[in-house]
Amino acid sequence: MIQVKRKDSKESFENLLRRFNRKVQQSGVLAISKEAKYFQKPISKTERRKKAIIRKERKEIKVKKLKLGIR
């Protein structure tokens, strides 16, 4: 659990909150929780790469069609 204490009694709440947010970002807690939000089937690296290549090719075709004015 991440804890942040005031440096002195004059430290503003905004500064305290900013330091807390920075520590949360650096710890990676949010990234882990976002990944765990939805279950993903474990797939091999090669399958993941193939799917990424296909997505990239489809996107390139889509961009070319947009530039030409074709739907």
N, C-alpha and C. Protein backbone atom coordinates (compact mmCIF):
# COMPACT_ATOMS: atom_id res chain seq x y z
N MET A 1 0.84 -1.18 0.00
CA MET A 1 0.00 0.00 0.00
C MET A 1 0.88 1.24 0.00
N ILE A 2 0.50 2.20 -0.81
CA ILE A 2 1.30 3.41 -0.95
C ILE A 2 0.81 4.46 0.04
N GLN A 3 1.76 5.02 0.77
CA GLN A 3 1.42 6.05 1.74
C GLN A 3 2.29 7.27 1.51
N VAL A 4 1.69 8.44 1.72
CA VAL A 4 2.42 9.69 1.60
C VAL A 4 2.09 10.53 2.81
N LYS A 5 3.11 11.03 3.48
CA LYS A 5 2.89 11.87 4.65
C LYS A 5 3.32 13.29 4.33
N ARG A 6 2.71 14.22 5.01
CA ARG A 6 3.07 15.63 4.81
C ARG A 6 4.50 15.88 5.23
N LYS A 7 5.21 16.66 4.42
CA LYS A 7 6.59 17.00 4.76
C LYS A 7 6.63 17.95 5.93
N ASP A 8 5.74 18.92 5.91
CA ASP A 8 5.59 19.84 7.03
C ASP A 8 4.12 20.23 7.12
N SER A 9 3.75 20.93 8.17
CA SER A 9 2.34 21.26 8.37
C SER A 9 1.82 22.26 7.36
N LYS A 10 2.71 22.96 6.66
CA LYS A 10 2.30 23.98 5.70
C LYS A 10 2.11 23.44 4.28
N GLU A 11 2.45 22.17 4.06
CA GLU A 11 2.33 21.61 2.71
C GLU A 11 0.86 21.56 2.30
N SER A 12 0.56 22.03 1.11
CA SER A 12 -0.82 22.07 0.65
C SER A 12 -1.30 20.67 0.25
N PHE A 13 -2.62 20.54 0.24
CA PHE A 13 -3.23 19.26 -0.13
C PHE A 13 -2.92 18.92 -1.58
N GLU A 14 -2.87 19.93 -2.46
CA GLU A 14 -2.59 19.70 -3.88
C GLU A 14 -1.21 19.08 -4.06
N ASN A 15 -0.22 19.61 -3.32
CA ASN A 15 1.14 19.05 -3.43
C ASN A 15 1.17 17.62 -2.91
N LEU A 16 0.45 17.37 -1.82
CA LEU A 16 0.40 16.04 -1.25
C LEU A 16 -0.24 15.05 -2.24
N LEU A 17 -1.33 15.48 -2.84
CA LEU A 17 -2.02 14.65 -3.82
C LEU A 17 -1.14 14.40 -5.05
N ARG A 18 -0.41 15.42 -5.50
CA ARG A 18 0.48 15.29 -6.65
C ARG A 18 1.58 14.27 -6.35
N ARG A 19 2.16 14.32 -5.15
CA ARG A 19 3.20 13.37 -4.79
C ARG A 19 2.64 11.95 -4.72
N PHE A 20 1.41 11.80 -4.19
CA PHE A 20 0.77 10.49 -4.12
C PHE A 20 0.55 9.93 -5.52
N ASN A 21 0.01 10.75 -6.42
CA ASN A 21 -0.25 10.31 -7.79
C ASN A 21 1.04 9.88 -8.48
N ARG A 22 2.10 10.62 -8.26
CA ARG A 22 3.39 10.28 -8.87
C ARG A 22 3.88 8.93 -8.36
N LYS A 23 3.75 8.68 -7.04
CA LYS A 23 4.19 7.39 -6.49
C LYS A 23 3.36 6.24 -7.04
N VAL A 24 2.05 6.46 -7.20
CA VAL A 24 1.18 5.42 -7.75
C VAL A 24 1.61 5.11 -9.18
N GLN A 25 1.88 6.16 -9.98
CA GLN A 25 2.31 5.95 -11.37
C GLN A 25 3.62 5.17 -11.42
N GLN A 26 4.56 5.54 -10.58
CA GLN A 26 5.87 4.90 -10.60
C GLN A 26 5.81 3.44 -10.13
N SER A 27 4.90 3.14 -9.22
CA SER A 27 4.82 1.77 -8.70
C SER A 27 4.20 0.81 -9.72
N GLY A 28 3.37 1.34 -10.63
CA GLY A 28 2.76 0.50 -11.65
C GLY A 28 1.50 -0.21 -11.20
N VAL A 29 0.93 0.21 -10.08
CA VAL A 29 -0.26 -0.44 -9.55
C VAL A 29 -1.43 -0.29 -10.51
N LEU A 30 -1.61 0.88 -11.08
CA LEU A 30 -2.73 1.12 -11.99
C LEU A 30 -2.60 0.28 -13.26
N ALA A 31 -1.40 0.19 -13.79
CA ALA A 31 -1.19 -0.59 -15.01
C ALA A 31 -1.54 -2.06 -14.79
N ILE A 32 -1.15 -2.59 -13.64
CA ILE A 32 -1.44 -3.99 -13.33
C ILE A 32 -2.93 -4.21 -13.19
N SER A 33 -3.61 -3.29 -12.52
CA SER A 33 -5.05 -3.45 -12.31
C SER A 33 -5.81 -3.32 -13.63
N LYS A 34 -5.36 -2.45 -14.53
CA LYS A 34 -6.01 -2.31 -15.83
C LYS A 34 -5.82 -3.56 -16.67
N GLU A 35 -4.65 -4.18 -16.59
CA GLU A 35 -4.40 -5.42 -17.33
C GLU A 35 -5.29 -6.54 -16.82
N ALA A 36 -5.50 -6.59 -15.52
CA ALA A 36 -6.27 -7.67 -14.91
C ALA A 36 -7.77 -7.46 -15.03
N LYS A 37 -8.19 -6.33 -15.56
CA LYS A 37 -9.62 -6.02 -15.65
C LYS A 37 -10.34 -7.02 -16.53
N TYR A 38 -9.76 -7.39 -17.65
CA TYR A 38 -10.35 -8.34 -18.57
C TYR A 38 -9.41 -9.52 -18.76
N PHE A 39 -9.98 -10.70 -18.77
CA PHE A 39 -9.18 -11.92 -18.96
C PHE A 39 -8.81 -12.06 -20.42
N GLN A 40 -7.57 -12.37 -20.68
CA GLN A 40 -7.12 -12.63 -22.04
C GLN A 40 -6.53 -14.04 -22.09
N LYS A 41 -6.91 -14.77 -23.10
CA LYS A 41 -6.36 -16.11 -23.25
C LYS A 41 -4.87 -16.01 -23.54
N PRO A 42 -4.09 -16.87 -22.94
CA PRO A 42 -2.65 -16.84 -23.24
C PRO A 42 -2.39 -17.36 -24.65
N ILE A 43 -1.73 -16.54 -25.48
CA ILE A 43 -1.38 -16.97 -26.83
C ILE A 43 0.12 -16.82 -27.00
N SER A 44 0.65 -17.53 -27.97
CA SER A 44 2.08 -17.52 -28.18
C SER A 44 2.52 -16.21 -28.83
N LYS A 45 3.81 -15.95 -28.74
CA LYS A 45 4.37 -14.73 -29.33
C LYS A 45 4.15 -14.69 -30.83
N THR A 46 4.30 -15.84 -31.48
CA THR A 46 4.16 -15.86 -32.93
C THR A 46 2.74 -15.52 -33.35
N GLU A 47 1.74 -16.05 -32.63
CA GLU A 47 0.35 -15.72 -32.96
C GLU A 47 0.08 -14.23 -32.76
N ARG A 48 0.60 -13.70 -31.66
CA ARG A 48 0.40 -12.28 -31.36
C ARG A 48 1.03 -11.41 -32.45
N ARG A 49 2.22 -11.81 -32.90
CA ARG A 49 2.90 -11.06 -33.96
C ARG A 49 2.14 -11.12 -35.27
N LYS A 50 1.63 -12.32 -35.61
CA LYS A 50 0.86 -12.47 -36.85
C LYS A 50 -0.37 -11.58 -36.83
N LYS A 51 -1.07 -11.57 -35.70
CA LYS A 51 -2.27 -10.73 -35.59
C LYS A 51 -1.91 -9.25 -35.68
N ALA A 52 -0.78 -8.85 -35.10
CA ALA A 52 -0.35 -7.46 -35.17
C ALA A 52 -0.03 -7.07 -36.61
N ILE A 53 0.61 -7.96 -37.35
CA ILE A 53 0.94 -7.70 -38.76
C ILE A 53 -0.33 -7.53 -39.58
N ILE A 54 -1.30 -8.41 -39.34
CA ILE A 54 -2.57 -8.32 -40.06
C ILE A 54 -3.27 -6.99 -39.76
N ARG A 55 -3.30 -6.59 -38.48
CA ARG A 55 -3.92 -5.32 -38.11
C ARG A 55 -3.24 -4.14 -38.79
N LYS A 56 -1.91 -4.20 -38.82
CA LYS A 56 -1.15 -3.12 -39.44
C LYS A 56 -1.45 -3.03 -40.94
N GLU A 57 -1.51 -4.17 -41.61
CA GLU A 57 -1.81 -4.17 -43.05
C GLU A 57 -3.20 -3.63 -43.32
N ARG A 58 -4.18 -4.06 -42.52
CA ARG A 58 -5.55 -3.57 -42.69
C ARG A 58 -5.63 -2.07 -42.48
N LYS A 59 -4.89 -1.57 -41.49
CA LYS A 59 -4.89 -0.13 -41.23
C LYS A 59 -4.28 0.64 -42.40
N GLU A 60 -3.18 0.12 -42.96
CA GLU A 60 -2.55 0.77 -44.11
C GLU A 60 -3.51 0.83 -45.30
N ILE A 61 -4.23 -0.26 -45.55
CA ILE A 61 -5.21 -0.29 -46.65
C ILE A 61 -6.30 0.75 -46.40
N LYS A 62 -6.76 0.82 -45.17
CA LYS A 62 -7.82 1.77 -44.81
C LYS A 62 -7.36 3.21 -45.02
N VAL A 63 -6.13 3.51 -44.63
CA VAL A 63 -5.59 4.86 -44.79
C VAL A 63 -5.44 5.22 -46.26
N LYS A 64 -4.97 4.25 -47.07
CA LYS A 64 -4.83 4.49 -48.51
C LYS A 64 -6.18 4.79 -49.15
N LYS A 65 -7.19 4.02 -48.76
CA LYS A 65 -8.54 4.25 -49.30
C LYS A 65 -9.07 5.62 -48.90
N LEU A 66 -8.83 6.03 -47.67
CA LEU A 66 -9.27 7.35 -47.22
C LEU A 66 -8.62 8.46 -48.02
N LYS A 67 -7.33 8.30 -48.30
CA LYS A 67 -6.61 9.31 -49.08
C LYS A 67 -7.12 9.40 -50.51
N LEU A 68 -7.54 8.27 -51.07
CA LEU A 68 -8.06 8.24 -52.42
C LEU A 68 -9.53 8.65 -52.48
N GLY A 69 -10.19 8.68 -51.34
CA GLY A 69 -11.60 9.04 -51.28
C GLY A 69 -12.53 7.88 -51.53
N ILE A 70 -12.00 6.67 -51.36
CA ILE A 70 -12.80 5.47 -51.55
C ILE A 70 -13.17 4.93 -50.16
N ARG A 71 -14.36 4.41 -50.05
CA ARG A 71 -14.76 3.84 -48.76
C ARG A 71 -14.47 2.39 -48.67
